[in-house]
Amino acid sequence: MINYEFPLSERIRTLLRLEGLYTKISHFITQASTTDHQAALNVLFEILDVTGRSDLKPDLIQELERQKRQLATLYNNPEISKAALDTLLSEIESTNSQLLSIGGRPGQQLRDNEWLMGIKQRTGIPGGTCEFDLPSFHYWLSQDVALRHAYLQDCLAPLLPIRDALTIVLKLLRDNGKLFHFTATQGSFQQPQGGRVAQMLCVSLDNALQCVPEVSANKYVLNIRFVLANYSVKSAAYEQDVKFDLTFCYL
């Protein structure tokens, strides 16, 4: 099976993008080559751009507080493990405290670093980080792997509370899903929404099927259209029946 996640709100879309960026930088930092560490810096700059949004940190704090209140009401549910609930609530409390301790925008000290911002400015130019453009960057790349690794870890550290917060929110979102089995007749599926819209949809189908889903949704109707997974020509409708699983994820 292959899974496709479709965010249905701008907030969840931002969190999913950040999740992907944090996954990439975690991979590149652990590698040893200069190419990987240069890629890590490029991803770091993308994270800085996204986390620079003024509404991101307050939204995460507000959502964690809301989830904490909701989870606290489950203590009287005999089907819920009290130990697991205590662990999750403690994790939320710790992460929220770290977010609250951030003064201003996350990673502002990195934005104030002239050396880093000089590199960031040049990354927008094709081939702009060549050694003759940025000799100090070339010098840094020539340093020992352990030094570069430590520097990248230090750069990432101020942005980790955002990563930890979105990890909690997205886990709760994915865990709170309602799974249904459907068939898209001749590659097309439509369903009334009844006024309630999920924060995210997950479409799962057999990986052997040579098609991919396209989703559009509002509070009135959900549309899923399957198109041919063709890499070289214009997309075309997949005109066969498609069995798929659809998970509605809510916070």
C-alpha atoms as a PDB file:
ATOM      1  CA  MET A   1       0.000   0.000   0.000  1.00  0.00           C
ATOM      2  CA  ILE A   2       1.059   3.575  -0.638  1.00  0.00           C
ATOM      3  CA  ASN A   3      -0.314   6.436   1.470  1.00  0.00           C
ATOM      4  CA  TYR A   4      -1.067   9.980   0.338  1.00  0.00           C
ATOM      5  CA  GLU A   5      -1.759  12.665   2.941  1.00  0.00           C
ATOM      6  CA  PHE A   6      -3.793  15.694   1.908  1.00  0.00           C
ATOM      7  CA  PRO A   7      -3.990  18.609   4.384  1.00  0.00           C
ATOM      8  CA  LEU A   8      -7.260  20.503   4.250  1.00  0.00           C
ATOM      9  CA  SER A   9      -6.177  23.594   6.177  1.00  0.00           C
ATOM     10  CA  GLU A  10      -3.284  25.996   5.788  1.00  0.00           C
ATOM     11  CA  ARG A  11      -2.070  25.259   9.314  1.00  0.00           C
ATOM     12  CA  ILE A  12      -1.766  21.491   8.727  1.00  0.00           C
ATOM     13  CA  ARG A  13      -0.216  22.130   5.317  1.00  0.00           C
ATOM     14  CA  THR A  14       2.503  24.189   7.006  1.00  0.00           C
ATOM     15  CA  LEU A  15       3.129  21.532   9.659  1.00  0.00           C
ATOM     16  CA  LEU A  16       3.465  18.778   7.054  1.00  0.00           C
ATOM     17  CA  ARG A  17       5.921  20.859   5.054  1.00  0.00           C
ATOM     18  CA  LEU A  18       7.976  21.494   8.160  1.00  0.00           C
ATOM     19  CA  GLU A  19       7.860  17.823   9.111  1.00  0.00           C
ATOM     20  CA  GLY A  20       9.369  16.947   5.739  1.00  0.00           C
ATOM     21  CA  LEU A  21      12.067  19.607   6.116  1.00  0.00           C
ATOM     22  CA  TYR A  22      13.044  18.411   9.600  1.00  0.00           C
ATOM     23  CA  THR A  23      13.273  14.841   8.277  1.00  0.00           C
ATOM     24  CA  LYS A  24      15.597  15.992   5.488  1.00  0.00           C
ATOM     25  CA  ILE A  25      17.893  18.038   7.701  1.00  0.00           C
ATOM     26  CA  SER A  26      18.122  15.211  10.246  1.00  0.00           C
ATOM     27  CA  HIS A  27      19.358  12.956   7.448  1.00  0.00           C
ATOM     28  CA  PHE A  28      21.825  15.392   5.893  1.00  0.00           C
ATOM     29  CA  ILE A  29      23.389  16.402   9.222  1.00  0.00           C
ATOM     30  CA  THR A  30      24.298  12.811  10.059  1.00  0.00           C
ATOM     31  CA  GLN A  31      26.167  12.329   6.784  1.00  0.00           C
ATOM     32  CA  ALA A  32      29.862  13.069   6.324  1.00  0.00           C
ATOM     33  CA  SER A  33      30.222  14.612   2.867  1.00  0.00           C
ATOM     34  CA  THR A  34      30.466  18.341   2.174  1.00  0.00           C
ATOM     35  CA  THR A  35      27.607  17.983  -0.311  1.00  0.00           C
ATOM     36  CA  ASP A  36      25.313  16.636   2.419  1.00  0.00           C
ATOM     37  CA  HIS A  37      26.276  19.395   4.844  1.00  0.00           C
ATOM     38  CA  GLN A  38      25.702  22.043   2.203  1.00  0.00           C
ATOM     39  CA  ALA A  39      22.290  20.453   1.586  1.00  0.00           C
ATOM     40  CA  ALA A  40      21.645  20.579   5.348  1.00  0.00           C
ATOM     41  CA  LEU A  41      22.253  24.329   5.352  1.00  0.00           C
ATOM     42  CA  ASN A  42      19.908  24.769   2.398  1.00  0.00           C
ATOM     43  CA  VAL A  43      17.162  22.916   4.285  1.00  0.00           C
ATOM     44  CA  LEU A  44      17.941  24.964   7.409  1.00  0.00           C
ATOM     45  CA  PHE A  45      17.257  28.128   5.415  1.00  0.00           C
ATOM     46  CA  GLU A  46      13.906  26.705   4.264  1.00  0.00           C
ATOM     47  CA  ILE A  47      12.992  25.912   7.868  1.00  0.00           C
ATOM     48  CA  LEU A  48      13.900  29.462   8.877  1.00  0.00           C
ATOM     49  CA  ASP A  49      11.619  30.844   6.174  1.00  0.00           C
ATOM     50  CA  VAL A  50       8.658  28.760   7.324  1.00  0.00           C
ATOM     51  CA  THR A  51       9.196  29.209  11.064  1.00  0.00           C
ATOM     52  CA  GLY A  52       9.508  32.956  10.512  1.00  0.00           C
ATOM     53  CA  ARG A  53       5.725  33.158  10.185  1.00  0.00           C
ATOM     54  CA  SER A  54       4.410  35.208  13.089  1.00  0.00           C
ATOM     55  CA  ASP A  55       1.408  32.926  13.643  1.00  0.00           C
ATOM     56  CA  LEU A  56       3.237  29.590  13.797  1.00  0.00           C
ATOM     57  CA  LYS A  57       4.475  29.581  17.384  1.00  0.00           C
ATOM     58  CA  PRO A  58       1.228  30.986  18.911  1.00  0.00           C
ATOM     59  CA  ASP A  59      -0.834  28.469  16.931  1.00  0.00           C
ATOM     60  CA  LEU A  60       1.263  25.562  18.182  1.00  0.00           C
ATOM     61  CA  ILE A  61       1.075  26.781  21.775  1.00  0.00           C
ATOM     62  CA  GLN A  62      -2.685  27.195  21.515  1.00  0.00           C
ATOM     63  CA  GLU A  63      -3.166  23.768  19.941  1.00  0.00           C
ATOM     64  CA  LEU A  64      -1.008  22.024  22.549  1.00  0.00           C
ATOM     65  CA  GLU A  65      -2.993  23.702  25.329  1.00  0.00           C
ATOM     66  CA  ARG A  66      -6.254  22.616  23.708  1.00  0.00           C
ATOM     67  CA  GLN A  67      -5.050  19.048  23.327  1.00  0.00           C
ATOM     68  CA  LYS A  68      -3.890  19.002  26.942  1.00  0.00           C
ATOM     69  CA  ARG A  69      -7.371  19.996  28.126  1.00  0.00           C
ATOM     70  CA  GLN A  70      -9.032  17.398  25.917  1.00  0.00           C
ATOM     71  CA  LEU A  71      -6.685  14.618  26.974  1.00  0.00           C
ATOM     72  CA  ALA A  72      -7.143  15.428  30.663  1.00  0.00           C
ATOM     73  CA  THR A  73     -10.828  14.492  30.353  1.00  0.00           C
ATOM     74  CA  LEU A  74      -9.840  10.908  29.421  1.00  0.00           C
ATOM     75  CA  TYR A  75      -8.574  10.005  32.884  1.00  0.00           C
ATOM     76  CA  ASN A  76     -11.977   8.538  33.763  1.00  0.00           C
ATOM     77  CA  ASN A  77     -12.042   6.358  30.637  1.00  0.00           C
ATOM     78  CA  PRO A  78     -11.238   2.748  31.673  1.00  0.00           C
ATOM     79  CA  GLU A  79     -10.070   1.948  28.111  1.00  0.00           C
ATOM     80  CA  ILE A  80      -7.283   4.535  28.303  1.00  0.00           C
ATOM     81  CA  SER A  81      -3.916   3.695  29.852  1.00  0.00           C
ATOM     82  CA  LYS A  82      -3.276   6.186  32.647  1.00  0.00           C
ATOM     83  CA  ALA A  83       0.494   5.705  32.336  1.00  0.00           C
ATOM     84  CA  ALA A  84       0.443   6.417  28.582  1.00  0.00           C
ATOM     85  CA  LEU A  85      -1.787   9.437  29.153  1.00  0.00           C
ATOM     86  CA  ASP A  86       0.555  10.779  31.852  1.00  0.00           C
ATOM     87  CA  THR A  87       3.526  10.384  29.495  1.00  0.00           C
ATOM     88  CA  LEU A  88       1.794  12.221  26.657  1.00  0.00           C
ATOM     89  CA  LEU A  89       0.586  15.055  28.891  1.00  0.00           C
ATOM     90  CA  SER A  90       4.083  15.437  30.347  1.00  0.00           C
ATOM     91  CA  GLU A  91       5.533  15.587  26.834  1.00  0.00           C
ATOM     92  CA  ILE A  92       3.010  18.249  25.839  1.00  0.00           C
ATOM     93  CA  GLU A  93       3.744  20.285  28.964  1.00  0.00           C
ATOM     94  CA  SER A  94       7.505  20.123  28.425  1.00  0.00           C
ATOM     95  CA  THR A  95       7.263  21.046  24.736  1.00  0.00           C
ATOM     96  CA  ASN A  96       4.890  23.909  25.449  1.00  0.00           C
ATOM     97  CA  SER A  97       7.272  25.274  28.079  1.00  0.00           C
ATOM     98  CA  GLN A  98      10.103  25.241  25.535  1.00  0.00           C
ATOM     99  CA  LEU A  99       7.957  27.121  23.021  1.00  0.00           C
ATOM    100  CA  LEU A 100       6.982  29.712  25.610  1.00  0.00           C
ATOM    101  CA  SER A 101      10.644  30.236  26.494  1.00  0.00           C
ATOM    102  CA  ILE A 102      11.465  31.296  22.918  1.00  0.00           C
ATOM    103  CA  GLY A 103      11.713  35.055  22.717  1.00  0.00           C
ATOM    104  CA  GLY A 104      10.497  36.436  19.400  1.00  0.00           C
ATOM    105  CA  ARG A 105      10.613  34.298  16.286  1.00  0.00           C
ATOM    106  CA  PRO A 106      12.179  30.837  16.556  1.00  0.00           C
ATOM    107  CA  GLY A 107      15.746  30.857  15.278  1.00  0.00           C
ATOM    108  CA  GLN A 108      16.083  34.651  15.310  1.00  0.00           C
ATOM    109  CA  GLN A 109      19.718  34.335  16.386  1.00  0.00           C
ATOM    110  CA  LEU A 110      20.382  32.491  13.132  1.00  0.00           C
ATOM    111  CA  ARG A 111      18.746  35.279  11.121  1.00  0.00           C
ATOM    112  CA  ASP A 112      21.065  37.712  12.881  1.00  0.00           C
ATOM    113  CA  ASN A 113      24.135  35.699  11.830  1.00  0.00           C
ATOM    114  CA  GLU A 114      25.683  37.619   8.925  1.00  0.00           C
ATOM    115  CA  TRP A 115      27.751  34.643   7.756  1.00  0.00           C
ATOM    116  CA  LEU A 116      24.724  32.358   7.530  1.00  0.00           C
ATOM    117  CA  MET A 117      22.533  34.998   5.916  1.00  0.00           C
ATOM    118  CA  GLY A 118      25.263  35.705   3.361  1.00  0.00           C
ATOM    119  CA  ILE A 119      25.160  32.052   2.335  1.00  0.00           C
ATOM    120  CA  LYS A 120      21.355  32.069   2.353  1.00  0.00           C
ATOM    121  CA  GLN A 121      21.290  35.053   0.031  1.00  0.00           C
ATOM    122  CA  ARG A 122      23.605  33.325  -2.441  1.00  0.00           C
ATOM    123  CA  THR A 123      21.585  30.073  -2.460  1.00  0.00           C
ATOM    124  CA  GLY A 124      18.882  31.872  -4.430  1.00  0.00           C
ATOM    125  CA  ILE A 125      21.349  32.257  -7.314  1.00  0.00           C
ATOM    126  CA  PRO A 126      22.046  29.168  -9.469  1.00  0.00           C
ATOM    127  CA  GLY A 127      25.560  28.076  -8.557  1.00  0.00           C
ATOM    128  CA  GLY A 128      25.821  31.073  -6.254  1.00  0.00           C
ATOM    129  CA  THR A 129      27.700  29.290  -3.472  1.00  0.00           C
ATOM    130  CA  CYS A 130      30.842  28.541  -5.484  1.00  0.00           C
ATOM    131  CA  GLU A 131      34.125  28.970  -3.637  1.00  0.00           C
ATOM    132  CA  PHE A 132      35.016  32.158  -5.531  1.00  0.00           C
ATOM    133  CA  ASP A 133      31.718  33.716  -4.382  1.00  0.00           C
ATOM    134  CA  LEU A 134      31.904  32.521  -0.767  1.00  0.00           C
ATOM    135  CA  PRO A 135      35.506  31.699   0.196  1.00  0.00           C
ATOM    136  CA  SER A 136      34.615  31.590   3.910  1.00  0.00           C
ATOM    137  CA  PHE A 137      31.951  28.981   3.164  1.00  0.00           C
ATOM    138  CA  HIS A 138      34.490  26.992   1.171  1.00  0.00           C
ATOM    139  CA  TYR A 139      36.826  27.174   4.159  1.00  0.00           C
ATOM    140  CA  TRP A 140      34.070  25.893   6.482  1.00  0.00           C
ATOM    141  CA  LEU A 141      33.317  22.981   4.150  1.00  0.00           C
ATOM    142  CA  SER A 142      37.009  22.025   4.246  1.00  0.00           C
ATOM    143  CA  GLN A 143      36.980  21.673   8.031  1.00  0.00           C
ATOM    144  CA  ASP A 144      36.790  18.384   9.906  1.00  0.00           C
ATOM    145  CA  VAL A 145      33.477  16.506   9.681  1.00  0.00           C
ATOM    146  CA  ALA A 146      33.000  16.588  13.451  1.00  0.00           C
ATOM    147  CA  LEU A 147      33.332  20.396  13.506  1.00  0.00           C
ATOM    148  CA  ARG A 148      30.784  20.839  10.720  1.00  0.00           C
ATOM    149  CA  HIS A 149      28.439  18.347  12.341  1.00  0.00           C
ATOM    150  CA  ALA A 150      28.623  20.172  15.699  1.00  0.00           C
ATOM    151  CA  TYR A 151      28.000  23.528  14.031  1.00  0.00           C
ATOM    152  CA  LEU A 152      24.929  22.251  12.196  1.00  0.00           C
ATOM    153  CA  GLN A 153      23.566  20.720  15.383  1.00  0.00           C
ATOM    154  CA  ASP A 154      24.025  24.053  17.172  1.00  0.00           C
ATOM    155  CA  CYS A 155      22.182  25.830  14.354  1.00  0.00           C
ATOM    156  CA  LEU A 156      19.296  23.407  14.492  1.00  0.00           C
ATOM    157  CA  ALA A 157      18.949  23.421  18.289  1.00  0.00           C
ATOM    158  CA  PRO A 158      16.886  26.668  18.557  1.00  0.00           C
ATOM    159  CA  LEU A 159      14.388  25.254  16.062  1.00  0.00           C
ATOM    160  CA  LEU A 160      13.868  21.902  17.781  1.00  0.00           C
ATOM    161  CA  PRO A 161      10.948  23.036  20.000  1.00  0.00           C
ATOM    162  CA  ILE A 162       8.963  23.737  16.832  1.00  0.00           C
ATOM    163  CA  ARG A 163       9.813  20.249  15.554  1.00  0.00           C
ATOM    164  CA  ASP A 164       8.797  18.625  18.830  1.00  0.00           C
ATOM    165  CA  ALA A 165       5.510  20.533  18.943  1.00  0.00           C
ATOM    166  CA  LEU A 166       4.459  19.738  15.388  1.00  0.00           C
ATOM    167  CA  THR A 167       5.433  16.087  15.912  1.00  0.00           C
ATOM    168  CA  ILE A 168       2.951  15.880  18.799  1.00  0.00           C
ATOM    169  CA  VAL A 169       0.189  17.661  16.900  1.00  0.00           C
ATOM    170  CA  LEU A 170       0.585  15.547  13.753  1.00  0.00           C
ATOM    171  CA  LYS A 171       0.739  12.321  15.768  1.00  0.00           C
ATOM    172  CA  LEU A 172      -2.511  13.198  17.529  1.00  0.00           C
ATOM    173  CA  LEU A 173      -4.043  14.122  14.182  1.00  0.00           C
ATOM    174  CA  ARG A 174      -3.027  10.841  12.534  1.00  0.00           C
ATOM    175  CA  ASP A 175      -4.068   8.749  15.535  1.00  0.00           C
ATOM    176  CA  ASN A 176      -7.504  10.368  15.606  1.00  0.00           C
ATOM    177  CA  GLY A 177      -8.580   9.098  12.200  1.00  0.00           C
ATOM    178  CA  LYS A 178     -11.706   7.329  10.977  1.00  0.00           C
ATOM    179  CA  LEU A 179     -10.999   4.710   8.319  1.00  0.00           C
ATOM    180  CA  PHE A 180     -13.398   3.824   5.504  1.00  0.00           C
ATOM    181  CA  HIS A 181     -13.150   1.533   2.467  1.00  0.00           C
ATOM    182  CA  PHE A 182     -14.381   2.890  -0.858  1.00  0.00           C
ATOM    183  CA  THR A 183     -14.269   2.235  -4.574  1.00  0.00           C
ATOM    184  CA  ALA A 184     -13.800   5.037  -7.073  1.00  0.00           C
ATOM    185  CA  THR A 185     -15.951   4.133 -10.062  1.00  0.00           C
ATOM    186  CA  GLN A 186     -13.955   4.645 -13.246  1.00  0.00           C
ATOM    187  CA  GLY A 187     -11.415   6.559 -11.201  1.00  0.00           C
ATOM    188  CA  SER A 188     -13.843   9.085  -9.740  1.00  0.00           C
ATOM    189  CA  PHE A 189     -15.252   9.390  -6.215  1.00  0.00           C
ATOM    190  CA  GLN A 190     -17.533  11.975  -4.621  1.00  0.00           C
ATOM    191  CA  GLN A 191     -19.058  12.168  -1.157  1.00  0.00           C
ATOM    192  CA  PRO A 192     -21.124  14.828   0.673  1.00  0.00           C
ATOM    193  CA  GLN A 193     -19.331  16.283   3.678  1.00  0.00           C
ATOM    194  CA  GLY A 194     -22.299  17.185   5.828  1.00  0.00           C
ATOM    195  CA  GLY A 195     -20.767  20.471   6.902  1.00  0.00           C
ATOM    196  CA  ARG A 196     -17.821  18.973   8.809  1.00  0.00           C
ATOM    197  CA  VAL A 197     -14.378  19.039   7.230  1.00  0.00           C
ATOM    198  CA  ALA A 198     -11.445  16.964   8.442  1.00  0.00           C
ATOM    199  CA  GLN A 199      -8.064  18.635   8.973  1.00  0.00           C
ATOM    200  CA  MET A 200      -6.397  15.979   6.819  1.00  0.00           C
ATOM    201  CA  LEU A 201      -7.290  13.081   4.542  1.00  0.00           C
ATOM    202  CA  CYS A 202      -5.174   9.981   4.023  1.00  0.00           C
ATOM    203  CA  VAL A 203      -5.757   8.017   0.833  1.00  0.00           C
ATOM    204  CA  SER A 204      -4.233   4.524   0.738  1.00  0.00           C
ATOM    205  CA  LEU A 205      -4.210   2.231  -2.273  1.00  0.00           C
ATOM    206  CA  ASP A 206      -2.339  -0.682  -3.770  1.00  0.00           C
ATOM    207  CA  ASN A 207       1.118   0.450  -4.850  1.00  0.00           C
ATOM    208  CA  ALA A 208       0.783  -1.715  -7.969  1.00  0.00           C
ATOM    209  CA  LEU A 209      -1.988   0.528  -9.316  1.00  0.00           C
ATOM    210  CA  GLN A 210      -0.546   2.955 -11.855  1.00  0.00           C
ATOM    211  CA  CYS A 211      -2.536   5.938 -10.665  1.00  0.00           C
ATOM    212  CA  VAL A 212      -2.373   8.731  -8.092  1.00  0.00           C
ATOM    213  CA  PRO A 213      -5.183  10.584  -6.311  1.00  0.00           C
ATOM    214  CA  GLU A 214      -6.101  14.241  -6.711  1.00  0.00           C
ATOM    215  CA  VAL A 215      -8.244  15.618  -3.885  1.00  0.00           C
ATOM    216  CA  SER A 216     -10.458  18.665  -3.549  1.00  0.00           C
ATOM    217  CA  ALA A 217     -12.728  19.217  -0.576  1.00  0.00           C
ATOM    218  CA  ASN A 218     -14.864  21.805   1.172  1.00  0.00           C
ATOM    219  CA  LYS A 219     -17.496  21.597   3.901  1.00  0.00           C
ATOM    220  CA  TYR A 220     -20.091  20.451   1.374  1.00  0.00           C
ATOM    221  CA  VAL A 221     -18.445  17.827  -0.822  1.00  0.00           C
ATOM    222  CA  LEU A 222     -15.300  15.726  -1.183  1.00  0.00           C
ATOM    223  CA  ASN A 223     -13.981  14.860  -4.634  1.00  0.00           C
ATOM    224  CA  ILE A 224     -11.212  12.383  -5.387  1.00  0.00           C
ATOM    225  CA  ARG A 225     -10.052  11.835  -8.946  1.00  0.00           C
ATOM    226  CA  PHE A 226      -7.457   9.249  -9.868  1.00  0.00           C
ATOM    227  CA  VAL A 227      -5.099  10.072 -12.732  1.00  0.00           C
ATOM    228  CA  LEU A 228      -2.477   8.014 -14.515  1.00  0.00           C
ATOM    229  CA  ALA A 229       0.916   7.972 -12.820  1.00  0.00           C
ATOM    230  CA  ASN A 230       2.742   8.947 -15.976  1.00  0.00           C
ATOM    231  CA  TYR A 231       6.078  10.732 -15.633  1.00  0.00           C
ATOM    232  CA  SER A 232       6.559  11.945 -19.172  1.00  0.00           C
ATOM    233  CA  VAL A 233       3.278  13.139 -20.654  1.00  0.00           C
ATOM    234  CA  LYS A 234       0.316  15.257 -19.626  1.00  0.00           C
ATOM    235  CA  SER A 235      -1.816  13.707 -16.865  1.00  0.00           C
ATOM    236  CA  ALA A 236      -4.880  11.773 -17.960  1.00  0.00           C
ATOM    237  CA  ALA A 237      -7.803  10.262 -16.088  1.00  0.00           C
ATOM    238  CA  TYR A 238      -7.490   6.700 -14.797  1.00  0.00           C
ATOM    239  CA  GLU A 239     -10.703   5.205 -16.094  1.00  0.00           C
ATOM    240  CA  GLN A 240     -10.772   1.961 -14.109  1.00  0.00           C
ATOM    241  CA  ASP A 241     -12.366   1.226 -10.744  1.00  0.00           C
ATOM    242  CA  VAL A 242     -10.002   1.905  -7.847  1.00  0.00           C
ATOM    243  CA  LYS A 243     -10.385   0.343  -4.412  1.00  0.00           C
ATOM    244  CA  PHE A 244      -8.883   2.586  -1.749  1.00  0.00           C
ATOM    245  CA  ASP A 245      -8.906   3.326   1.956  1.00  0.00           C
ATOM    246  CA  LEU A 246      -9.820   6.818   3.100  1.00  0.00           C
ATOM    247  CA  THR A 247      -8.998   8.095   6.572  1.00  0.00           C
ATOM    248  CA  PHE A 248     -10.569  11.309   7.875  1.00  0.00           C
ATOM    249  CA  CYS A 249      -8.194  12.834  10.452  1.00  0.00           C
ATOM    250  CA  TYR A 250      -9.446  15.323  13.042  1.00  0.00           C
ATOM    251  CA  LEU A 251      -7.920  17.261  15.919  1.00  0.00           C
END
